[in-house]
Every structure is written in structure tokens, then in C-alpha cells.
Amino acid sequence: MLRPRRNKPSGNMAQKFVRIFSLLMTLLYVGLGIFLITIDKAKLNLNISDEVRMVLGGVLILYGAVRFIRVYQVSKKSRRYRDEE
């Protein structure tokens, strides 16, 4: 016999906060990487070479993309788990 489905909340407040915070940090990393790549060296007065600035910007963009993929996979997995219950 089938059980009636109960309306369950879509996760508690802490999980939602962590998910939103993770997405914001992803945007921050990507934004900072783009900022480092596009900023004029004279305006910011950084004491690093252009090559180091470009590599650091690229690494930040890549790290932000990896974080986004991980957050998306965890979110998708938890959504699938909730739908099965």
C-alpha cells in the first residue's frame, strides 16, 4: 500500500545559508580573478608582475568554476534525495 506524501520543507535554514554562501563565494572568486586580469597595473599600484597577476587571476577563475560545479552537484544530489523520500 502506498503511503501519502507529506509536504516536507526543502531543507533547513542552515543548509540554505551554506548553499547561498557557497554560491556567493564562487562569484567572488570569479569576479576577483576577472578583476586581476583586467585591472590596469598603474591604477592599483600592485608590486607584482603582469605574468603573476594573470596566473593568479586565472587560478581564481578556475577555482571559482570548480567550486560552482561542486556546489551544483551537492545541490542536485540533495534535491534528488528529497524527491525520493
N, C-alpha and C. Protein backbone atom coordinates (compact mmCIF):
# COMPACT_ATOMS: atom_id res chain seq x y z
N MET A 1 0.83 -1.17 0.00
CA MET A 1 0.00 0.00 0.00
C MET A 1 0.88 1.25 0.00
N LEU A 2 0.50 2.24 -0.75
CA LEU A 2 1.30 3.45 -0.86
C LEU A 2 1.02 4.39 0.29
N ARG A 3 2.08 4.99 0.79
CA ARG A 3 1.94 5.99 1.85
C ARG A 3 1.65 7.34 1.23
N PRO A 4 0.83 8.15 1.87
CA PRO A 4 0.62 9.50 1.32
C PRO A 4 1.88 10.34 1.48
N ARG A 5 2.14 11.16 0.49
CA ARG A 5 3.32 12.03 0.55
C ARG A 5 3.05 13.19 1.47
N ARG A 6 4.02 13.47 2.29
CA ARG A 6 3.92 14.63 3.17
C ARG A 6 4.68 15.78 2.55
N ASN A 7 4.19 16.94 2.79
CA ASN A 7 4.91 18.12 2.32
C ASN A 7 6.06 18.39 3.26
N LYS A 8 7.26 18.16 2.76
CA LYS A 8 8.46 18.38 3.56
C LYS A 8 9.09 19.70 3.15
N PRO A 9 9.67 20.39 4.09
CA PRO A 9 10.38 21.61 3.70
C PRO A 9 11.57 21.28 2.83
N SER A 10 11.99 22.21 2.01
CA SER A 10 13.06 21.96 1.05
C SER A 10 14.45 22.08 1.67
N GLY A 11 14.58 21.78 2.91
CA GLY A 11 15.87 21.87 3.59
C GLY A 11 15.78 22.87 4.72
N ASN A 12 16.62 22.70 5.69
CA ASN A 12 16.55 23.64 6.81
C ASN A 12 17.32 24.91 6.49
N MET A 13 17.21 25.85 7.38
CA MET A 13 17.77 27.18 7.14
C MET A 13 19.29 27.15 7.02
N ALA A 14 19.95 26.31 7.79
CA ALA A 14 21.42 26.23 7.74
C ALA A 14 21.90 25.73 6.38
N GLN A 15 21.22 24.74 5.82
CA GLN A 15 21.60 24.23 4.51
C GLN A 15 21.42 25.29 3.43
N LYS A 16 20.33 26.04 3.52
CA LYS A 16 20.10 27.11 2.55
C LYS A 16 21.18 28.19 2.67
N PHE A 17 21.54 28.53 3.91
CA PHE A 17 22.57 29.54 4.12
C PHE A 17 23.90 29.09 3.54
N VAL A 18 24.27 27.84 3.78
CA VAL A 18 25.54 27.31 3.27
C VAL A 18 25.54 27.31 1.74
N ARG A 19 24.42 26.93 1.14
CA ARG A 19 24.33 26.90 -0.32
C ARG A 19 24.46 28.31 -0.90
N ILE A 20 23.76 29.26 -0.31
CA ILE A 20 23.84 30.65 -0.80
C ILE A 20 25.23 31.23 -0.58
N PHE A 21 25.82 30.96 0.59
CA PHE A 21 27.17 31.45 0.87
C PHE A 21 28.17 30.85 -0.11
N SER A 22 28.04 29.58 -0.41
CA SER A 22 28.95 28.93 -1.36
C SER A 22 28.83 29.55 -2.75
N LEU A 23 27.61 29.84 -3.17
CA LEU A 23 27.43 30.47 -4.48
C LEU A 23 28.00 31.88 -4.49
N LEU A 24 27.81 32.63 -3.41
CA LEU A 24 28.38 33.98 -3.34
C LEU A 24 29.91 33.94 -3.37
N MET A 25 30.50 32.98 -2.67
CA MET A 25 31.96 32.86 -2.69
C MET A 25 32.45 32.48 -4.08
N THR A 26 31.69 31.65 -4.78
CA THR A 26 32.04 31.31 -6.15
C THR A 26 32.08 32.56 -7.02
N LEU A 27 31.04 33.39 -6.89
CA LEU A 27 31.01 34.64 -7.66
C LEU A 27 32.15 35.57 -7.26
N LEU A 28 32.49 35.58 -5.98
CA LEU A 28 33.58 36.42 -5.51
C LEU A 28 34.92 35.99 -6.11
N TYR A 29 35.18 34.68 -6.12
CA TYR A 29 36.44 34.19 -6.68
C TYR A 29 36.53 34.50 -8.18
N VAL A 30 35.46 34.24 -8.91
CA VAL A 30 35.48 34.51 -10.35
C VAL A 30 35.62 36.00 -10.60
N GLY A 31 34.88 36.81 -9.84
CA GLY A 31 34.96 38.26 -10.00
C GLY A 31 36.33 38.81 -9.69
N LEU A 32 36.96 38.30 -8.63
CA LEU A 32 38.30 38.75 -8.28
C LEU A 32 39.32 38.34 -9.34
N GLY A 33 39.13 37.14 -9.90
CA GLY A 33 40.02 36.71 -10.98
C GLY A 33 39.90 37.59 -12.20
N ILE A 34 38.67 37.92 -12.58
CA ILE A 34 38.45 38.81 -13.72
C ILE A 34 39.01 40.19 -13.42
N PHE A 35 38.81 40.66 -12.20
CA PHE A 35 39.34 41.96 -11.80
C PHE A 35 40.86 42.00 -11.93
N LEU A 36 41.54 40.96 -11.44
CA LEU A 36 43.00 40.94 -11.52
C LEU A 36 43.50 40.91 -12.95
N ILE A 37 42.78 40.21 -13.81
CA ILE A 37 43.22 40.11 -15.20
C ILE A 37 43.00 41.42 -15.94
N THR A 38 41.91 42.11 -15.65
CA THR A 38 41.55 43.28 -16.45
C THR A 38 42.02 44.61 -15.88
N ILE A 39 42.44 44.65 -14.62
CA ILE A 39 42.81 45.92 -14.00
C ILE A 39 44.11 46.47 -14.57
N ASP A 40 44.19 47.76 -14.65
CA ASP A 40 45.42 48.42 -15.09
C ASP A 40 46.40 48.43 -13.91
N LYS A 41 47.61 47.99 -14.15
CA LYS A 41 48.61 47.87 -13.09
C LYS A 41 48.91 49.21 -12.43
N ALA A 42 48.90 50.28 -13.19
CA ALA A 42 49.22 51.60 -12.64
C ALA A 42 48.13 52.11 -11.70
N LYS A 43 46.88 51.78 -11.97
CA LYS A 43 45.78 52.26 -11.13
C LYS A 43 45.78 51.59 -9.76
N LEU A 44 46.10 50.33 -9.71
CA LEU A 44 46.02 49.58 -8.45
C LEU A 44 47.32 49.63 -7.66
N ASN A 45 48.43 49.94 -8.32
CA ASN A 45 49.74 50.02 -7.67
C ASN A 45 50.14 48.71 -6.99
N LEU A 46 49.98 47.60 -7.71
CA LEU A 46 50.42 46.30 -7.21
C LEU A 46 51.90 46.13 -7.48
N ASN A 47 52.58 45.49 -6.58
CA ASN A 47 54.01 45.24 -6.75
C ASN A 47 54.26 43.82 -7.25
N ILE A 48 53.41 43.34 -8.16
CA ILE A 48 53.63 42.03 -8.76
C ILE A 48 53.69 42.20 -10.27
N SER A 49 54.35 41.27 -10.92
CA SER A 49 54.50 41.36 -12.37
C SER A 49 53.18 41.00 -13.07
N ASP A 50 53.12 41.36 -14.33
CA ASP A 50 51.91 41.08 -15.11
C ASP A 50 51.66 39.58 -15.24
N GLU A 51 52.73 38.80 -15.37
CA GLU A 51 52.57 37.36 -15.51
C GLU A 51 51.96 36.74 -14.25
N VAL A 52 52.46 37.15 -13.09
CA VAL A 52 51.94 36.63 -11.82
C VAL A 52 50.48 37.05 -11.64
N ARG A 53 50.17 38.27 -11.99
CA ARG A 53 48.80 38.78 -11.87
C ARG A 53 47.85 37.99 -12.77
N MET A 54 48.28 37.70 -13.99
CA MET A 54 47.45 36.93 -14.93
C MET A 54 47.26 35.49 -14.46
N VAL A 55 48.34 34.87 -13.97
CA VAL A 55 48.24 33.50 -13.49
C VAL A 55 47.34 33.43 -12.26
N LEU A 56 47.51 34.36 -11.34
CA LEU A 56 46.67 34.38 -10.14
C LEU A 56 45.20 34.60 -10.51
N GLY A 57 44.93 35.49 -11.44
CA GLY A 57 43.56 35.71 -11.91
C GLY A 57 42.98 34.46 -12.54
N GLY A 58 43.76 33.77 -13.35
CA GLY A 58 43.30 32.53 -13.98
C GLY A 58 43.03 31.44 -12.96
N VAL A 59 43.89 31.34 -11.97
CA VAL A 59 43.70 30.32 -10.92
C VAL A 59 42.43 30.62 -10.13
N LEU A 60 42.18 31.89 -9.83
CA LEU A 60 40.97 32.24 -9.10
C LEU A 60 39.71 31.94 -9.91
N ILE A 61 39.74 32.21 -11.20
CA ILE A 61 38.59 31.89 -12.06
C ILE A 61 38.37 30.39 -12.12
N LEU A 62 39.45 29.64 -12.28
CA LEU A 62 39.35 28.18 -12.32
C LEU A 62 38.82 27.62 -11.00
N TYR A 63 39.33 28.13 -9.89
CA TYR A 63 38.88 27.68 -8.57
C TYR A 63 37.40 28.01 -8.37
N GLY A 64 36.97 29.18 -8.80
CA GLY A 64 35.56 29.53 -8.71
C GLY A 64 34.69 28.60 -9.53
N ALA A 65 35.14 28.22 -10.72
CA ALA A 65 34.39 27.29 -11.56
C ALA A 65 34.29 25.91 -10.91
N VAL A 66 35.39 25.44 -10.32
CA VAL A 66 35.38 24.14 -9.64
C VAL A 66 34.43 24.17 -8.45
N ARG A 67 34.46 25.24 -7.68
CA ARG A 67 33.54 25.37 -6.54
C ARG A 67 32.09 25.37 -7.00
N PHE A 68 31.81 26.07 -8.11
CA PHE A 68 30.44 26.10 -8.62
C PHE A 68 29.98 24.70 -9.00
N ILE A 69 30.83 23.95 -9.67
CA ILE A 69 30.47 22.59 -10.08
C ILE A 69 30.19 21.73 -8.85
N ARG A 70 31.03 21.84 -7.82
CA ARG A 70 30.83 21.05 -6.60
C ARG A 70 29.54 21.44 -5.89
N VAL A 71 29.26 22.74 -5.79
CA VAL A 71 28.02 23.18 -5.14
C VAL A 71 26.81 22.70 -5.93
N TYR A 72 26.89 22.77 -7.25
CA TYR A 72 25.79 22.32 -8.08
C TYR A 72 25.55 20.82 -7.91
N GLN A 73 26.61 20.02 -7.89
CA GLN A 73 26.45 18.58 -7.73
C GLN A 73 25.85 18.22 -6.38
N VAL A 74 26.31 18.86 -5.32
CA VAL A 74 25.77 18.59 -3.98
C VAL A 74 24.31 19.01 -3.92
N SER A 75 23.98 20.14 -4.50
CA SER A 75 22.61 20.63 -4.50
C SER A 75 21.70 19.68 -5.28
N LYS A 76 22.18 19.22 -6.42
CA LYS A 76 21.40 18.29 -7.25
C LYS A 76 21.20 16.96 -6.51
N LYS A 77 22.24 16.50 -5.85
CA LYS A 77 22.16 15.24 -5.11
C LYS A 77 21.16 15.35 -3.95
N SER A 78 21.21 16.44 -3.21
CA SER A 78 20.29 16.58 -2.09
C SER A 78 18.85 16.77 -2.58
N ARG A 79 18.67 17.44 -3.71
CA ARG A 79 17.34 17.60 -4.28
C ARG A 79 16.78 16.25 -4.71
N ARG A 80 17.61 15.42 -5.33
CA ARG A 80 17.19 14.09 -5.76
C ARG A 80 16.84 13.23 -4.55
N TYR A 81 17.62 13.34 -3.48
CA TYR A 81 17.37 12.57 -2.26
C TYR A 81 16.04 12.99 -1.65
N ARG A 82 15.76 14.28 -1.62
CA ARG A 82 14.48 14.75 -1.05
C ARG A 82 13.31 14.31 -1.90
N ASP A 83 13.48 14.27 -3.21
CA ASP A 83 12.38 13.86 -4.09
C ASP A 83 12.05 12.38 -3.95
N GLU A 84 13.05 11.56 -3.61
CA GLU A 84 12.83 10.12 -3.45
C GLU A 84 12.09 9.80 -2.17
N GLU A 85 12.18 10.64 -1.17
CA GLU A 85 11.52 10.35 0.10
C GLU A 85 10.06 10.58 0.05
